[in-house]
Protein backbone atom coordinates (compact mmCIF):
# COMPACT_ATOMS: atom_id res chain seq x y z
CA UNK A 1 -14.47 -21.30 -4.14
CA UNK A 2 -17.90 -20.21 -2.14
CA UNK A 3 -20.72 -19.40 -4.25
CA UNK A 4 -23.02 -16.26 -3.91
CA UNK A 5 -25.96 -18.36 -2.56
CA UNK A 6 -23.77 -20.13 -0.02
CA UNK A 7 -21.82 -16.77 1.05
CA UNK A 8 -25.34 -15.09 1.72
CA UNK A 9 -26.32 -17.84 3.89
CA UNK A 10 -23.27 -17.48 6.25
CA UNK A 11 -23.41 -16.51 10.04
CA UNK A 12 -21.71 -13.13 10.92
CA UNK A 13 -18.96 -14.84 12.39
CA UNK A 14 -18.55 -17.17 9.60
CA UNK A 15 -18.49 -13.94 7.05
CA UNK A 16 -15.81 -12.50 9.21
CA UNK A 17 -13.69 -15.41 9.00
CA UNK A 18 -13.47 -15.58 5.08
CA UNK A 19 -10.30 -16.09 3.54
CA UNK A 20 -9.33 -15.16 0.06
CA UNK A 21 -9.22 -18.83 -1.11
CA UNK A 22 -13.00 -19.06 -0.65
CA UNK A 23 -13.33 -16.16 -3.15
CA UNK A 24 -10.64 -17.46 -5.37
CA UNK A 25 -9.92 -14.21 -6.95
CA UNK A 26 -13.52 -13.69 -8.57
CA UNK A 27 -15.35 -10.25 -8.46
CA UNK A 28 -18.13 -10.39 -6.08
CA UNK A 29 -21.42 -8.28 -6.41
CA UNK A 30 -23.01 -5.39 -4.27
CA UNK A 31 -25.17 -7.88 -2.34
CA UNK A 32 -22.08 -10.19 -1.20
CA UNK A 33 -19.71 -7.23 -0.07
CA UNK A 34 -22.41 -5.75 1.85
CA UNK A 35 -23.24 -8.93 3.80
CA UNK A 36 -19.54 -9.03 4.65
CA UNK A 37 -19.55 -5.27 5.89
CA UNK A 38 -22.74 -5.94 7.69
CA UNK A 39 -21.38 -8.86 9.62
CA UNK A 40 -18.47 -6.73 10.70
CA UNK A 41 -20.89 -4.17 11.92
CA UNK A 42 -19.74 -1.61 9.29
CA UNK A 43 -22.62 -1.17 6.79
CA UNK A 44 -25.98 0.35 6.93
CA UNK A 45 -28.46 1.88 4.34
CA UNK A 46 -31.89 3.24 4.93
CA UNK A 47 -34.52 0.95 3.53
CA UNK A 48 -36.55 3.88 1.92
CA UNK A 49 -39.45 3.40 4.48
CA UNK A 50 -39.75 6.30 6.49
CA UNK A 51 -41.40 4.63 9.09
CA UNK A 52 -37.95 2.50 9.80
CA UNK A 53 -35.09 4.25 11.90
CA UNK A 54 -32.18 6.05 10.50
CA UNK A 55 -28.60 7.02 11.61
CA UNK A 56 -27.73 9.91 13.93
CA UNK A 57 -23.85 10.17 13.56
CA UNK A 58 -21.70 11.25 16.12
CA UNK A 59 -21.68 14.63 15.01
CA UNK A 60 -25.43 14.74 15.85
CA UNK A 61 -25.98 14.94 11.94
CA UNK A 62 -28.67 12.52 10.55
CA UNK A 63 -27.78 10.31 7.70
CA UNK A 64 -29.26 7.75 5.31
CA UNK A 65 -26.38 5.53 5.54
CA UNK A 66 -23.40 4.27 7.78
CA UNK A 67 -20.14 2.79 6.43
CA UNK A 68 -16.90 2.07 8.75
CA UNK A 69 -13.94 0.30 6.32
CA UNK A 70 -11.98 -0.03 9.50
CA UNK A 71 -14.10 -2.47 10.92
CA UNK A 72 -13.66 -4.55 7.75
CA UNK A 73 -10.15 -3.86 6.77
CA UNK A 74 -8.56 -4.28 10.19
CA UNK A 75 -9.48 -8.06 9.65
CA UNK A 76 -6.26 -9.05 7.74
CA UNK A 77 -8.15 -11.99 5.67
CA UNK A 78 -11.08 -9.35 5.05
CA UNK A 79 -8.42 -6.49 3.73
CA UNK A 80 -6.81 -9.01 1.15
CA UNK A 81 -10.03 -9.92 -0.18
CA UNK A 82 -10.89 -6.20 -0.81
CA UNK A 83 -7.55 -5.72 -2.37
CA UNK A 84 -8.38 -8.33 -4.77
CA UNK A 85 -11.80 -6.79 -5.44
CA UNK A 86 -9.81 -3.45 -6.03
CA UNK A 87 -7.36 -5.10 -8.25
CA UNK A 88 -10.05 -6.86 -10.51
CA UNK A 89 -12.01 -3.48 -10.89
CA UNK A 90 -8.72 -1.52 -11.82
CA UNK A 91 -7.88 -4.45 -14.36
CA UNK A 92 -11.21 -4.00 -16.15
CA UNK A 93 -10.18 -0.56 -17.01
CA UNK A 94 -6.12 -0.54 -16.88
CA UNK A 95 -4.05 -3.48 -18.05
CA UNK A 96 -0.65 -1.53 -17.77
CA UNK A 97 2.33 -1.09 -15.54
CA UNK A 98 2.19 -0.48 -11.85
CA UNK A 99 5.40 0.01 -10.00
CA UNK A 100 4.24 1.74 -6.75
CA UNK A 101 0.90 1.48 -4.76
CA UNK A 102 0.04 4.19 -2.24
CA UNK A 103 -2.69 5.10 -0.05
CA UNK A 104 -3.43 7.97 2.28
CA UNK A 105 -2.37 7.95 5.99
CA UNK A 106 -3.65 6.19 7.82
CA UNK A 107 -7.04 4.85 6.50
CA UNK A 108 -5.85 3.13 3.43
CA UNK A 109 -2.04 2.38 4.23
CA UNK A 110 -2.88 -1.21 5.08
CA UNK A 111 -5.23 -1.63 2.05
CA UNK A 112 -2.53 -0.01 -0.19
CA UNK A 113 0.11 -2.86 0.88
CA UNK A 114 -2.34 -5.71 0.44
CA UNK A 115 -3.32 -4.43 -3.23
CA UNK A 116 0.61 -4.16 -3.82
CA UNK A 117 0.68 -7.68 -2.83
CA UNK A 118 -2.19 -8.90 -5.17
CA UNK A 119 -0.33 -7.12 -8.10
CA UNK A 120 2.93 -8.60 -7.03
CA UNK A 121 1.28 -12.06 -8.07
CA UNK A 122 1.16 -11.04 -11.67
CA UNK A 123 3.67 -12.63 -13.72
CA UNK A 124 6.75 -10.14 -14.28
CA UNK A 125 5.78 -7.59 -12.05
CA UNK A 126 7.84 -5.84 -9.32
CA UNK A 127 5.57 -3.58 -7.17
CA UNK A 128 6.69 -1.64 -4.32
CA UNK A 129 4.40 -0.11 -1.38
CA UNK A 130 5.84 2.89 0.89
CA UNK A 131 3.55 4.67 3.37
CA UNK A 132 2.46 8.03 3.35
CA UNK A 133 2.78 10.11 6.53
CA UNK A 134 0.04 12.70 7.96
CA UNK A 135 1.59 16.00 8.38
CA UNK A 136 -0.12 19.52 9.71
CA UNK A 137 -3.33 20.94 8.48
CA UNK A 138 -4.39 17.89 6.65
CA UNK A 139 -1.31 17.07 4.54
CA UNK A 140 -0.01 14.06 3.20
CA UNK A 141 3.76 13.58 3.44
CA UNK A 142 6.05 11.56 1.29
CA UNK A 143 9.74 11.28 2.30
CA UNK A 144 12.83 8.86 2.11
CA UNK A 145 12.09 7.01 -1.12
CA UNK A 146 12.46 8.35 -4.60
CA UNK A 147 10.05 7.46 -7.53
CA UNK A 148 12.24 6.87 -10.57
CA UNK A 149 11.39 8.37 -13.97
CA UNK A 150 8.80 6.44 -16.04
CA UNK A 151 7.55 4.34 -13.05
CA UNK A 152 3.80 4.23 -12.77
CA UNK A 153 2.44 5.01 -9.23
CA UNK A 154 -1.30 3.32 -8.27
CA UNK A 155 -3.09 5.62 -5.62
CA UNK A 156 -5.86 3.64 -3.81
CA UNK A 157 -8.47 4.41 -1.21
CA UNK A 158 -10.50 2.90 1.11
CA UNK A 159 -13.22 5.46 1.18
CA UNK A 160 -14.11 8.54 -0.77
CA UNK A 161 -16.29 11.40 0.17
CA UNK A 162 -14.71 14.26 -1.15
CA UNK A 163 -11.44 14.55 -2.90
CA UNK A 164 -9.73 16.62 -0.40
CA UNK A 165 -7.69 13.54 1.17
CA UNK A 166 -6.89 12.15 -2.15
CA UNK A 167 -5.74 15.40 -3.74
CA UNK A 168 -3.57 15.83 -0.54
CA UNK A 169 -1.70 12.44 -1.18
CA UNK A 170 -0.97 13.61 -4.68
CA UNK A 171 0.37 16.86 -3.76
CA UNK A 172 2.60 15.10 -0.98
CA UNK A 173 3.94 12.46 -3.45
CA UNK A 174 4.73 15.41 -6.06
CA UNK A 175 6.24 17.43 -3.40
CA UNK A 176 8.35 14.69 -1.96
CA UNK A 177 10.22 13.63 -5.36
CA UNK A 178 12.60 15.50 -7.42
CA UNK A 179 11.28 14.33 -10.72
CA UNK A 180 7.70 14.58 -12.08
CA UNK A 181 5.34 11.56 -11.13
CA UNK A 182 3.64 9.63 -13.36
CA UNK A 183 -0.02 8.28 -11.65
CA UNK A 184 -1.88 5.39 -13.08
CA UNK A 185 -4.94 7.18 -14.79
CA UNK A 186 -7.46 5.40 -12.68
CA UNK A 187 -7.95 5.61 -8.69
CA UNK A 188 -9.60 2.80 -7.41
CA UNK A 189 -11.68 3.21 -4.14
CA UNK A 190 -13.37 0.51 -2.16
CA UNK A 191 -16.49 2.52 -1.14
CA UNK A 192 -17.23 5.58 -3.06
CA UNK A 193 -19.99 7.91 -1.25
CA UNK A 194 -19.32 11.20 -2.71
CA UNK A 195 -20.84 14.78 -1.65
CA UNK A 196 -22.85 16.02 -4.88
CA UNK A 197 -20.71 16.52 -7.75
CA UNK A 198 -17.44 15.21 -5.95
CA UNK A 199 -14.93 12.29 -6.88
CA UNK A 200 -15.21 12.09 -10.66
CA UNK A 201 -11.62 12.76 -11.34
CA UNK A 202 -8.52 13.45 -8.93
CA UNK A 203 -5.54 15.10 -10.52
CA UNK A 204 -6.02 13.55 -13.91
CA UNK A 205 -7.01 9.83 -12.58
CA UNK A 206 -10.70 9.01 -12.92
CA UNK A 207 -12.16 7.55 -9.99
CA UNK A 208 -13.24 3.90 -10.20
CA UNK A 209 -15.15 2.02 -7.07
CA UNK A 210 -16.10 -1.43 -6.08
CA UNK A 211 -19.38 0.07 -3.90
CA UNK A 212 -20.89 3.22 -4.56
CA UNK A 213 -23.70 5.00 -2.36
CA UNK A 214 -25.55 8.38 -2.47
CA UNK A 215 -25.31 8.78 1.18
CA UNK A 216 -26.20 12.29 2.76
CA UNK A 217 -25.74 13.76 6.18
CA UNK A 218 -27.75 16.79 7.37
CA UNK A 219 -28.78 18.65 10.43
CA UNK A 220 -31.98 17.08 12.32
CA UNK A 221 -33.85 20.57 11.43
CA UNK A 222 -33.24 19.60 7.53
CA UNK A 223 -33.46 15.84 7.78
CA UNK A 224 -36.47 14.67 5.57
CA UNK A 225 -36.53 11.23 7.65
CA UNK A 226 -36.87 13.08 10.68
CA UNK A 227 -40.05 14.99 9.39
CA UNK A 228 -41.57 12.02 8.12
CA UNK A 229 -41.23 10.25 11.42
CA UNK A 230 -38.19 8.38 11.29
CA UNK A 231 -36.46 7.83 14.60
CA UNK A 232 -32.62 8.88 14.71
CA UNK A 233 -30.39 6.19 16.43
CA UNK A 234 -26.61 6.35 17.26
CA UNK A 235 -25.38 2.99 15.47
CA UNK A 236 -23.09 1.85 18.50
CA UNK A 237 -25.42 2.61 21.25
CA UNK A 238 -27.43 -0.25 23.24
CA UNK A 239 -29.41 -2.63 20.74
CA UNK A 240 -29.62 0.23 18.08
CA UNK A 241 -27.41 -1.98 15.42
CA UNK A 242 -30.06 -4.93 15.50
CA UNK A 243 -32.72 -2.21 15.20
CA UNK A 244 -31.20 -0.70 12.26
CA UNK A 245 -29.86 -3.77 10.54
CA UNK A 246 -33.55 -5.33 10.87
CA UNK A 247 -34.79 -2.64 9.04
CA UNK A 248 -32.41 -2.15 5.94
CA UNK A 249 -32.74 -2.83 2.53
């Protein structure tokens, strides 16, 4: 197992190649997970110094943070590591039955399957995973599989800003089954970056997370960092990623 001090000394390409065996099923702290995300070009958080640059999103809005989970979860080894972290967090709150693991289409599908694989290693468990499908008007659809009475559904997400997608997943599962569906009373999220007042509970399940950030996004005319002289940068343009990460906290 790799120790924290060793992990934090790894080069980005070495962090990208981390295997679940290096983590050995142990909970990792925020600094370690941020190092992995940063190595994948997937994480930046403003230092708090107004002289440092900040992010200009593709929408044109300014933000004090940037997180792109697909950059991490597209690497199968890292997706498995993040799934283990989600299960560790879940088991701190809930030791009960899980029969199904689901996640929203399309962002959380792979992560949900990896979580199901981790849970299936627990003695005496039989865990199923089946993908949701995107429907019109931001709906999520469940079809072709029946969740039986008494079976417990674990709902996981890779990132939560508002509860809209999570609520659509719940509605889709309920609409696609002939019986009332029982959800695990906790909803694990890899990255929780809610809008103000959002995300404490979804459909009776308490939201729990591995990584949490208070990240805002505003138009440039309302951006306090712009007002103080901080320069907005597009993360993917030119050398901007190096400029941003050299000044991160």
